[in-house]
């Protein structure tokens, strides 16, 4: 399942972190794409692609930056990973 986790408001920028937690006991693969405004998901937009996360564990990416209109798109192969983005938006 693919979902847009966050889109930077037009005229703003964002600095943030993403936390990923696998809530199941089995491994699950997650994908995170940082997609520039007006573009589509591609190999060049992927921060992580089908990265395996052991069951009942978490990982994080920090120090991420996006520009106006850019989006964070996430997915989990089995649907057992949850995603949280936290940070600040500069206007």
PDB file of N, CA and C in Angstrom:
ATOM      1  N   UNK A   1       0.837  -1.173   0.000  1.00  0.00           N
ATOM      2  CA  UNK A   1       0.000   0.000   0.000  1.00  0.00           C
ATOM      3  C   UNK A   1       0.888   1.244   0.000  1.00  0.00           C
ATOM      4  N   UNK A   2       0.641   2.156  -0.904  1.00  0.00           N
ATOM      5  CA  UNK A   2       1.398   3.393  -1.026  1.00  0.00           C
ATOM      6  C   UNK A   2       0.566   4.545  -0.485  1.00  0.00           C
ATOM      7  N   UNK A   3       1.229   5.463   0.248  1.00  0.00           N
ATOM      8  CA  UNK A   3       0.521   6.614   0.806  1.00  0.00           C
ATOM      9  C   UNK A   3       1.427   7.834   0.804  1.00  0.00           C
ATOM     10  N   UNK A   4       0.818   9.008   0.629  1.00  0.00           N
ATOM     11  CA  UNK A   4       1.552  10.257   0.770  1.00  0.00           C
ATOM     12  C   UNK A   4       1.568  10.599   2.248  1.00  0.00           C
ATOM     13  N   UNK A   5       2.758  10.588   2.834  1.00  0.00           N
ATOM     14  CA  UNK A   5       2.908  10.854   4.261  1.00  0.00           C
ATOM     15  C   UNK A   5       2.858  12.349   4.542  1.00  0.00           C
ATOM     16  N   UNK A   6       3.450  13.147   3.640  1.00  0.00           N
ATOM     17  CA  UNK A   6       3.538  14.585   3.888  1.00  0.00           C
ATOM     18  C   UNK A   6       3.833  15.298   2.582  1.00  0.00           C
ATOM     19  N   UNK A   7       3.218  16.464   2.405  1.00  0.00           N
ATOM     20  CA  UNK A   7       3.535  17.350   1.288  1.00  0.00           C
ATOM     21  C   UNK A   7       3.836  18.728   1.857  1.00  0.00           C
ATOM     22  N   UNK A   8       4.952  19.306   1.435  1.00  0.00           N
ATOM     23  CA  UNK A   8       5.340  20.634   1.914  1.00  0.00           C
ATOM     24  C   UNK A   8       4.405  21.676   1.296  1.00  0.00           C
ATOM     25  N   UNK A   9       3.830  22.540   2.129  1.00  0.00           N
ATOM     26  CA  UNK A   9       2.963  23.590   1.575  1.00  0.00           C
ATOM     27  C   UNK A   9       3.714  24.472   0.571  1.00  0.00           C
ATOM     28  N   UNK A  10       2.986  24.961  -0.428  1.00  0.00           N
ATOM     29  CA  UNK A  10       3.566  25.847  -1.433  1.00  0.00           C
ATOM     30  C   UNK A  10       4.097  27.096  -0.725  1.00  0.00           C
ATOM     31  N   UNK A  11       5.309  27.497  -1.088  1.00  0.00           N
ATOM     32  CA  UNK A  11       5.934  28.674  -0.493  1.00  0.00           C
ATOM     33  C   UNK A  11       6.717  28.375   0.774  1.00  0.00           C
ATOM     34  N   UNK A  12       6.841  27.107   1.135  1.00  0.00           N
ATOM     35  CA  UNK A  12       7.532  26.715   2.362  1.00  0.00           C
ATOM     36  C   UNK A  12       8.625  25.693   2.058  1.00  0.00           C
ATOM     37  N   UNK A  13       9.448  25.417   3.049  1.00  0.00           N
ATOM     38  CA  UNK A  13      10.411  24.318   3.012  1.00  0.00           C
ATOM     39  C   UNK A  13      10.245  23.544   4.308  1.00  0.00           C
ATOM     40  N   UNK A  14      10.812  22.350   4.364  1.00  0.00           N
ATOM     41  CA  UNK A  14      10.662  21.527   5.566  1.00  0.00           C
ATOM     42  C   UNK A  14      11.965  20.818   5.892  1.00  0.00           C
ATOM     43  N   UNK A  15      12.242  20.717   7.187  1.00  0.00           N
ATOM     44  CA  UNK A  15      13.339  19.907   7.715  1.00  0.00           C
ATOM     45  C   UNK A  15      12.676  18.902   8.650  1.00  0.00           C
ATOM     46  N   UNK A  16      12.986  17.600   8.468  1.00  0.00           N
ATOM     47  CA  UNK A  16      12.215  16.605   9.214  1.00  0.00           C
ATOM     48  C   UNK A  16      12.973  15.295   9.365  1.00  0.00           C
ATOM     49  N   UNK A  17      12.385  14.420  10.160  1.00  0.00           N
ATOM     50  CA  UNK A  17      12.852  13.045  10.345  1.00  0.00           C
ATOM     51  C   UNK A  17      11.689  12.112  10.060  1.00  0.00           C
ATOM     52  N   UNK A  18      12.015  10.882   9.656  1.00  0.00           N
ATOM     53  CA  UNK A  18      11.000   9.836   9.440  1.00  0.00           C
ATOM     54  C   UNK A  18      11.359   8.647  10.320  1.00  0.00           C
ATOM     55  N   UNK A  19      10.371   8.142  11.033  1.00  0.00           N
ATOM     56  CA  UNK A  19      10.522   6.948  11.861  1.00  0.00           C
ATOM     57  C   UNK A  19       9.675   5.837  11.255  1.00  0.00           C
ATOM     58  N   UNK A  20      10.233   4.634  11.182  1.00  0.00           N
ATOM     59  CA  UNK A  20       9.538   3.472  10.625  1.00  0.00           C
ATOM     60  C   UNK A  20       9.525   2.389  11.685  1.00  0.00           C
ATOM     61  N   UNK A  21       8.356   1.800  11.940  1.00  0.00           N
ATOM     62  CA  UNK A  21       8.225   0.708  12.910  1.00  0.00           C
ATOM     63  C   UNK A  21       7.508  -0.450  12.252  1.00  0.00           C
ATOM     64  N   UNK A  22       8.092  -1.648  12.368  1.00  0.00           N
ATOM     65  CA  UNK A  22       7.442  -2.869  11.898  1.00  0.00           C
ATOM     66  C   UNK A  22       6.692  -3.453  13.089  1.00  0.00           C
ATOM     67  N   UNK A  23       5.377  -3.465  13.001  1.00  0.00           N
ATOM     68  CA  UNK A  23       4.545  -3.881  14.124  1.00  0.00           C
ATOM     69  C   UNK A  23       4.270  -5.380  14.158  1.00  0.00           C
ATOM     70  N   UNK A  24       4.748  -6.106  13.177  1.00  0.00           N
ATOM     71  CA  UNK A  24       4.541  -7.557  13.121  1.00  0.00           C
ATOM     72  C   UNK A  24       5.795  -8.265  13.641  1.00  0.00           C
ATOM     73  N   UNK A  25       5.738  -9.583  13.741  1.00  0.00           N
ATOM     74  CA  UNK A  25       6.897 -10.368  14.177  1.00  0.00           C
ATOM     75  C   UNK A  25       7.775 -10.775  12.990  1.00  0.00           C
ATOM     76  N   UNK A  26       7.237 -10.712  11.776  1.00  0.00           N
ATOM     77  CA  UNK A  26       7.983 -11.098  10.572  1.00  0.00           C
ATOM     78  C   UNK A  26       8.621  -9.873   9.926  1.00  0.00           C
ATOM     79  N   UNK A  27       9.639 -10.109   9.097  1.00  0.00           N
ATOM     80  CA  UNK A  27      10.254  -9.028   8.328  1.00  0.00           C
ATOM     81  C   UNK A  27       9.228  -8.406   7.387  1.00  0.00           C
ATOM     82  N   UNK A  28       9.399  -7.116   7.100  1.00  0.00           N
ATOM     83  CA  UNK A  28       8.598  -6.422   6.099  1.00  0.00           C
ATOM     84  C   UNK A  28       9.517  -5.452   5.372  1.00  0.00           C
ATOM     85  N   UNK A  29       9.250  -5.222   4.103  1.00  0.00           N
ATOM     86  CA  UNK A  29      10.043  -4.293   3.314  1.00  0.00           C
ATOM     87  C   UNK A  29       9.331  -2.963   3.187  1.00  0.00           C
ATOM     88  N   UNK A  30      10.073  -1.863   3.367  1.00  0.00           N
ATOM     89  CA  UNK A  30       9.477  -0.538   3.229  1.00  0.00           C
ATOM     90  C   UNK A  30      10.211   0.252   2.146  1.00  0.00           C
ATOM     91  N   UNK A  31       9.465   1.177   1.551  1.00  0.00           N
ATOM     92  CA  UNK A  31      10.014   2.079   0.544  1.00  0.00           C
ATOM     93  C   UNK A  31       9.636   3.501   0.921  1.00  0.00           C
ATOM     94  N   UNK A  32      10.612   4.405   0.814  1.00  0.00           N
ATOM     95  CA  UNK A  32      10.387   5.823   1.075  1.00  0.00           C
ATOM     96  C   UNK A  32      10.898   6.598  -0.132  1.00  0.00           C
ATOM     97  N   UNK A  33      10.040   7.453  -0.680  1.00  0.00           N
ATOM     98  CA  UNK A  33      10.435   8.293  -1.810  1.00  0.00           C
ATOM     99  C   UNK A  33      10.253   9.755  -1.436  1.00  0.00           C
ATOM    100  N   UNK A  34      11.252  10.575  -1.753  1.00  0.00           N
ATOM    101  CA  UNK A  34      11.187  12.025  -1.583  1.00  0.00           C
ATOM    102  C   UNK A  34      11.002  12.603  -2.984  1.00  0.00           C
ATOM    103  N   UNK A  35       9.765  12.962  -3.292  1.00  0.00           N
ATOM    104  CA  UNK A  35       9.392  13.290  -4.671  1.00  0.00           C
ATOM    105  C   UNK A  35       9.280  14.803  -4.858  1.00  0.00           C
ATOM    106  N   UNK A  36      10.121  15.370  -5.715  1.00  0.00           N
ATOM    107  CA  UNK A  36      10.032  16.805  -5.997  1.00  0.00           C
ATOM    108  C   UNK A  36       8.684  17.175  -6.623  1.00  0.00           C
ATOM    109  N   UNK A  37       8.270  18.397  -6.374  1.00  0.00           N
ATOM    110  CA  UNK A  37       7.012  18.922  -6.896  1.00  0.00           C
ATOM    111  C   UNK A  37       6.927  18.721  -8.410  1.00  0.00           C
ATOM    112  N   UNK A  38       5.821  18.157  -8.863  1.00  0.00           N
ATOM    113  CA  UNK A  38       5.588  17.970 -10.291  1.00  0.00           C
ATOM    114  C   UNK A  38       6.230  16.731 -10.891  1.00  0.00           C
ATOM    115  N   UNK A  39       6.938  15.943 -10.082  1.00  0.00           N
ATOM    116  CA  UNK A  39       7.579  14.736 -10.587  1.00  0.00           C
ATOM    117  C   UNK A  39       6.873  13.494 -10.058  1.00  0.00           C
ATOM    118  N   UNK A  40       7.265  12.343 -10.583  1.00  0.00           N
ATOM    119  CA  UNK A  40       6.715  11.053 -10.163  1.00  0.00           C
ATOM    120  C   UNK A  40       7.785  10.250  -9.442  1.00  0.00           C
ATOM    121  N   UNK A  41       7.365   9.202  -8.761  1.00  0.00           N
ATOM    122  CA  UNK A  41       8.312   8.304  -8.111  1.00  0.00           C
ATOM    123  C   UNK A  41       9.201   7.666  -9.170  1.00  0.00           C
ATOM    124  N   UNK A  42      10.496   7.661  -8.897  1.00  0.00           N
ATOM    125  CA  UNK A  42      11.458   7.013  -9.782  1.00  0.00           C
ATOM    126  C   UNK A  42      12.621   6.534  -8.921  1.00  0.00           C
ATOM    127  N   UNK A  43      13.549   5.838  -9.539  1.00  0.00           N
ATOM    128  CA  UNK A  43      14.720   5.344  -8.813  1.00  0.00           C
ATOM    129  C   UNK A  43      15.467   6.498  -8.141  1.00  0.00           C
ATOM    130  N   UNK A  44      15.531   7.644  -8.801  1.00  0.00           N
ATOM    131  CA  UNK A  44      16.295   8.776  -8.268  1.00  0.00           C
ATOM    132  C   UNK A  44      15.603   9.460  -7.079  1.00  0.00           C
ATOM    133  N   UNK A  45      14.316   9.191  -6.860  1.00  0.00           N
ATOM    134  CA  UNK A  45      13.602   9.826  -5.742  1.00  0.00           C
ATOM    135  C   UNK A  45      13.556   8.942  -4.501  1.00  0.00           C
ATOM    136  N   UNK A  46      14.045   7.713  -4.602  1.00  0.00           N
ATOM    137  CA  UNK A  46      13.907   6.762  -3.499  1.00  0.00           C
ATOM    138  C   UNK A  46      15.021   6.900  -2.465  1.00  0.00           C
ATOM    139  N   UNK A  47      14.606   7.147  -1.236  1.00  0.00           N
ATOM    140  CA  UNK A  47      15.530   7.170  -0.104  1.00  0.00           C
ATOM    141  C   UNK A  47      15.820   5.737   0.329  1.00  0.00           C
ATOM    142  N   UNK A  48      14.814   4.880   0.264  1.00  0.00           N
ATOM    143  CA  UNK A  48      14.940   3.453   0.583  1.00  0.00           C
ATOM    144  C   UNK A  48      13.997   2.692  -0.330  1.00  0.00           C
ATOM    145  N   UNK A  49      14.442   1.528  -0.829  1.00  0.00           N
ATOM    146  CA  UNK A  49      13.600   0.717  -1.704  1.00  0.00           C
ATOM    147  C   UNK A  49      13.532  -0.705  -1.178  1.00  0.00           C
ATOM    148  N   UNK A  50      12.347  -1.130  -0.791  1.00  0.00           N
ATOM    149  CA  UNK A  50      12.085  -2.478  -0.279  1.00  0.00           C
ATOM    150  C   UNK A  50      13.135  -2.890   0.767  1.00  0.00           C
ATOM    151  N   UNK A  51      13.469  -1.954   1.630  1.00  0.00           N
ATOM    152  CA  UNK A  51      14.443  -2.192   2.688  1.00  0.00           C
ATOM    153  C   UNK A  51      13.794  -3.059   3.760  1.00  0.00           C
ATOM    154  N   UNK A  52      14.413  -4.178   4.079  1.00  0.00           N
ATOM    155  CA  UNK A  52      13.838  -5.130   5.027  1.00  0.00           C
ATOM    156  C   UNK A  52      14.039  -4.654   6.466  1.00  0.00           C
ATOM    157  N   UNK A  53      12.952  -4.706   7.232  1.00  0.00           N
ATOM    158  CA  UNK A  53      12.969  -4.321   8.642  1.00  0.00           C
ATOM    159  C   UNK A  53      12.473  -5.498   9.469  1.00  0.00           C
ATOM    160  N   UNK A  54      13.315  -5.937  10.374  1.00  0.00           N
ATOM    161  CA  UNK A  54      12.972  -7.070  11.232  1.00  0.00           C
ATOM    162  C   UNK A  54      11.707  -6.774  12.031  1.00  0.00           C
ATOM    163  N   UNK A  55      10.954  -7.801  12.353  1.00  0.00           N
ATOM    164  CA  UNK A  55       9.727  -7.643  13.114  1.00  0.00           C
ATOM    165  C   UNK A  55       9.956  -7.001  14.468  1.00  0.00           C
ATOM    166  N   UNK A  56       8.996  -6.176  14.860  1.00  0.00           N
ATOM    167  CA  UNK A  56       8.975  -5.501  16.157  1.00  0.00           C
ATOM    168  C   UNK A  56      10.229  -4.660  16.405  1.00  0.00           C
ATOM    169  N   UNK A  57      10.719  -3.999  15.356  1.00  0.00           N
ATOM    170  CA  UNK A  57      11.846  -3.078  15.486  1.00  0.00           C
ATOM    171  C   UNK A  57      11.522  -1.769  14.769  1.00  0.00           C
ATOM    172  N   UNK A  58      12.358  -0.784  15.004  1.00  0.00           N
ATOM    173  CA  UNK A  58      12.187   0.535  14.388  1.00  0.00           C
ATOM    174  C   UNK A  58      13.512   1.014  13.813  1.00  0.00           C
ATOM    175  N   UNK A  59      13.417   1.965  12.897  1.00  0.00           N
ATOM    176  CA  UNK A  59      14.584   2.640  12.348  1.00  0.00           C
ATOM    177  C   UNK A  59      14.166   4.059  12.011  1.00  0.00           C
ATOM    178  N   UNK A  60      15.126   4.908  11.685  1.00  0.00           N
ATOM    179  CA  UNK A  60      14.805   6.308  11.401  1.00  0.00           C
ATOM    180  C   UNK A  60      15.788   6.909  10.409  1.00  0.00           C
ATOM    181  N   UNK A  61      15.332   7.960   9.743  1.00  0.00           N
ATOM    182  CA  UNK A  61      16.149   8.812   8.890  1.00  0.00           C
ATOM    183  C   UNK A  61      15.970  10.233   9.404  1.00  0.00           C
ATOM    184  N   UNK A  62      17.055  10.959   9.575  1.00  0.00           N
ATOM    185  CA  UNK A  62      16.943  12.333  10.064  1.00  0.00           C
ATOM    186  C   UNK A  62      17.755  13.277   9.194  1.00  0.00           C
ATOM    187  N   UNK A  63      17.561  14.572   9.409  1.00  0.00           N
ATOM    188  CA  UNK A  63      18.268  15.577   8.622  1.00  0.00           C
ATOM    189  C   UNK A  63      17.788  15.648   7.191  1.00  0.00           C
ATOM    190  N   UNK A  64      16.505  15.379   6.968  1.00  0.00           N
ATOM    191  CA  UNK A  64      15.932  15.399   5.620  1.00  0.00           C
ATOM    192  C   UNK A  64      15.354  16.782   5.316  1.00  0.00           C
ATOM    193  N   UNK A  65      15.464  17.200   4.069  1.00  0.00           N
ATOM    194  CA  UNK A  65      14.969  18.510   3.653  1.00  0.00           C
ATOM    195  C   UNK A  65      14.134  18.365   2.390  1.00  0.00           C
ATOM    196  N   UNK A  66      13.033  19.119   2.342  1.00  0.00           N
ATOM    197  CA  UNK A  66      12.209  19.168   1.138  1.00  0.00           C
ATOM    198  C   UNK A  66      11.877  20.614   0.818  1.00  0.00           C
ATOM    199  N   UNK A  67      11.635  20.876  -0.453  1.00  0.00           N
ATOM    200  CA  UNK A  67      11.271  22.210  -0.916  1.00  0.00           C
ATOM    201  C   UNK A  67       9.763  22.318  -1.123  1.00  0.00           C
ATOM    202  N   UNK A  68       9.337  23.480  -1.482  1.00  0.00           N
ATOM    203  CA  UNK A  68       7.935  23.794  -1.704  1.00  0.00           C
ATOM    204  C   UNK A  68       7.261  22.784  -2.637  1.00  0.00           C
ATOM    205  N   UNK A  69       6.164  22.182  -2.176  1.00  0.00           N
ATOM    206  CA  UNK A  69       5.386  21.253  -2.993  1.00  0.00           C
ATOM    207  C   UNK A  69       5.907  19.838  -3.064  1.00  0.00           C
ATOM    208  N   UNK A  70       7.098  19.578  -2.528  1.00  0.00           N
ATOM    209  CA  UNK A  70       7.655  18.221  -2.537  1.00  0.00           C
ATOM    210  C   UNK A  70       6.870  17.310  -1.598  1.00  0.00           C
ATOM    211  N   UNK A  71       6.904  15.999  -1.846  1.00  0.00           N
ATOM    212  CA  UNK A  71       6.149  15.033  -1.053  1.00  0.00           C
ATOM    213  C   UNK A  71       7.006  13.871  -0.569  1.00  0.00           C
ATOM    214  N   UNK A  72       6.586  13.296   0.542  1.00  0.00           N
ATOM    215  CA  UNK A  72       7.155  12.050   1.056  1.00  0.00           C
ATOM    216  C   UNK A  72       6.113  10.975   0.800  1.00  0.00           C
ATOM    217  N   UNK A  73       6.480   9.949   0.025  1.00  0.00           N
ATOM    218  CA  UNK A  73       5.566   8.859  -0.288  1.00  0.00           C
ATOM    219  C   UNK A  73       6.166   7.576   0.267  1.00  0.00           C
ATOM    220  N   UNK A  74       5.355   6.823   1.008  1.00  0.00           N
ATOM    221  CA  UNK A  74       5.839   5.628   1.698  1.00  0.00           C
ATOM    222  C   UNK A  74       4.992   4.416   1.326  1.00  0.00           C
ATOM    223  N   UNK A  75       5.603   3.236   1.484  1.00  0.00           N
ATOM    224  CA  UNK A  75       4.848   1.994   1.309  1.00  0.00           C
ATOM    225  C   UNK A  75       5.517   0.888   2.111  1.00  0.00           C
ATOM    226  N   UNK A  76       4.727  -0.141   2.385  1.00  0.00           N
ATOM    227  CA  UNK A  76       5.180  -1.309   3.127  1.00  0.00           C
ATOM    228  C   UNK A  76       4.695  -2.543   2.378  1.00  0.00           C
ATOM    229  N   UNK A  77       5.605  -3.471   2.074  1.00  0.00           N
ATOM    230  CA  UNK A  77       5.259  -4.645   1.264  1.00  0.00           C
ATOM    231  C   UNK A  77       4.103  -5.446   1.849  1.00  0.00           C
ATOM    232  N   UNK A  78       4.163  -5.705   3.148  1.00  0.00           N
ATOM    233  CA  UNK A  78       3.127  -6.500   3.810  1.00  0.00           C
ATOM    234  C   UNK A  78       2.099  -5.653   4.551  1.00  0.00           C
ATOM    235  N   UNK A  79       2.347  -4.364   4.615  1.00  0.00           N
ATOM    236  CA  UNK A  79       1.418  -3.471   5.314  1.00  0.00           C
ATOM    237  C   UNK A  79       1.573  -3.475   6.824  1.00  0.00           C
ATOM    238  N   UNK A  80       2.699  -3.977   7.324  1.00  0.00           N
ATOM    239  CA  UNK A  80       2.876  -4.034   8.776  1.00  0.00           C
ATOM    240  C   UNK A  80       3.780  -2.936   9.319  1.00  0.00           C
ATOM    241  N   UNK A  81       4.340  -2.101   8.436  1.00  0.00           N
ATOM    242  CA  UNK A  81       5.176  -0.983   8.887  1.00  0.00           C
ATOM    243  C   UNK A  81       4.328   0.278   9.008  1.00  0.00           C
ATOM    244  N   UNK A  82       4.597   1.036  10.063  1.00  0.00           N
ATOM    245  CA  UNK A  82       3.964   2.339  10.210  1.00  0.00           C
ATOM    246  C   UNK A  82       5.042   3.411  10.087  1.00  0.00           C
ATOM    247  N   UNK A  83       4.638   4.603   9.658  1.00  0.00           N
ATOM    248  CA  UNK A  83       5.563   5.696   9.367  1.00  0.00           C
ATOM    249  C   UNK A  83       5.125   6.938  10.118  1.00  0.00           C
ATOM    250  N   UNK A  84       6.106   7.686  10.619  1.00  0.00           N
ATOM    251  CA  UNK A  84       5.849   8.949  11.302  1.00  0.00           C
ATOM    252  C   UNK A  84       6.883   9.956  10.826  1.00  0.00           C
ATOM    253  N   UNK A  85       6.408  11.107  10.359  1.00  0.00           N
ATOM    254  CA  UNK A  85       7.298  12.202   9.993  1.00  0.00           C
ATOM    255  C   UNK A  85       7.105  13.319  11.003  1.00  0.00           C
ATOM    256  N   UNK A  86       8.198  13.859  11.497  1.00  0.00           N
ATOM    257  CA  UNK A  86       8.134  14.975  12.442  1.00  0.00           C
ATOM    258  C   UNK A  86       9.234  15.956  12.112  1.00  0.00           C
ATOM    259  N   UNK A  87       8.947  17.222  12.287  1.00  0.00           N
ATOM    260  CA  UNK A  87       9.939  18.240  11.983  1.00  0.00           C
ATOM    261  C   UNK A  87       9.340  19.620  12.010  1.00  0.00           C
ATOM    262  N   UNK A  88       9.892  20.482  11.171  1.00  0.00           N
ATOM    263  CA  UNK A  88       9.460  21.870  11.147  1.00  0.00           C
ATOM    264  C   UNK A  88       9.296  22.343   9.711  1.00  0.00           C
ATOM    265  N   UNK A  89       8.281  23.181   9.486  1.00  0.00           N
ATOM    266  CA  UNK A  89       8.040  23.785   8.190  1.00  0.00           C
ATOM    267  C   UNK A  89       8.400  25.260   8.304  1.00  0.00           C
ATOM    268  N   UNK A  90       9.226  25.734   7.360  1.00  0.00           N
ATOM    269  CA  UNK A  90       9.640  27.130   7.325  1.00  0.00           C
ATOM    270  C   UNK A  90       8.834  27.849   6.249  1.00  0.00           C
ATOM    271  N   UNK A  91       8.216  28.969   6.612  1.00  0.00           N
ATOM    272  CA  UNK A  91       7.435  29.733   5.640  1.00  0.00           C
ATOM    273  C   UNK A  91       8.109  31.046   5.326  1.00  0.00           C
TER     274      UNK A  91
END
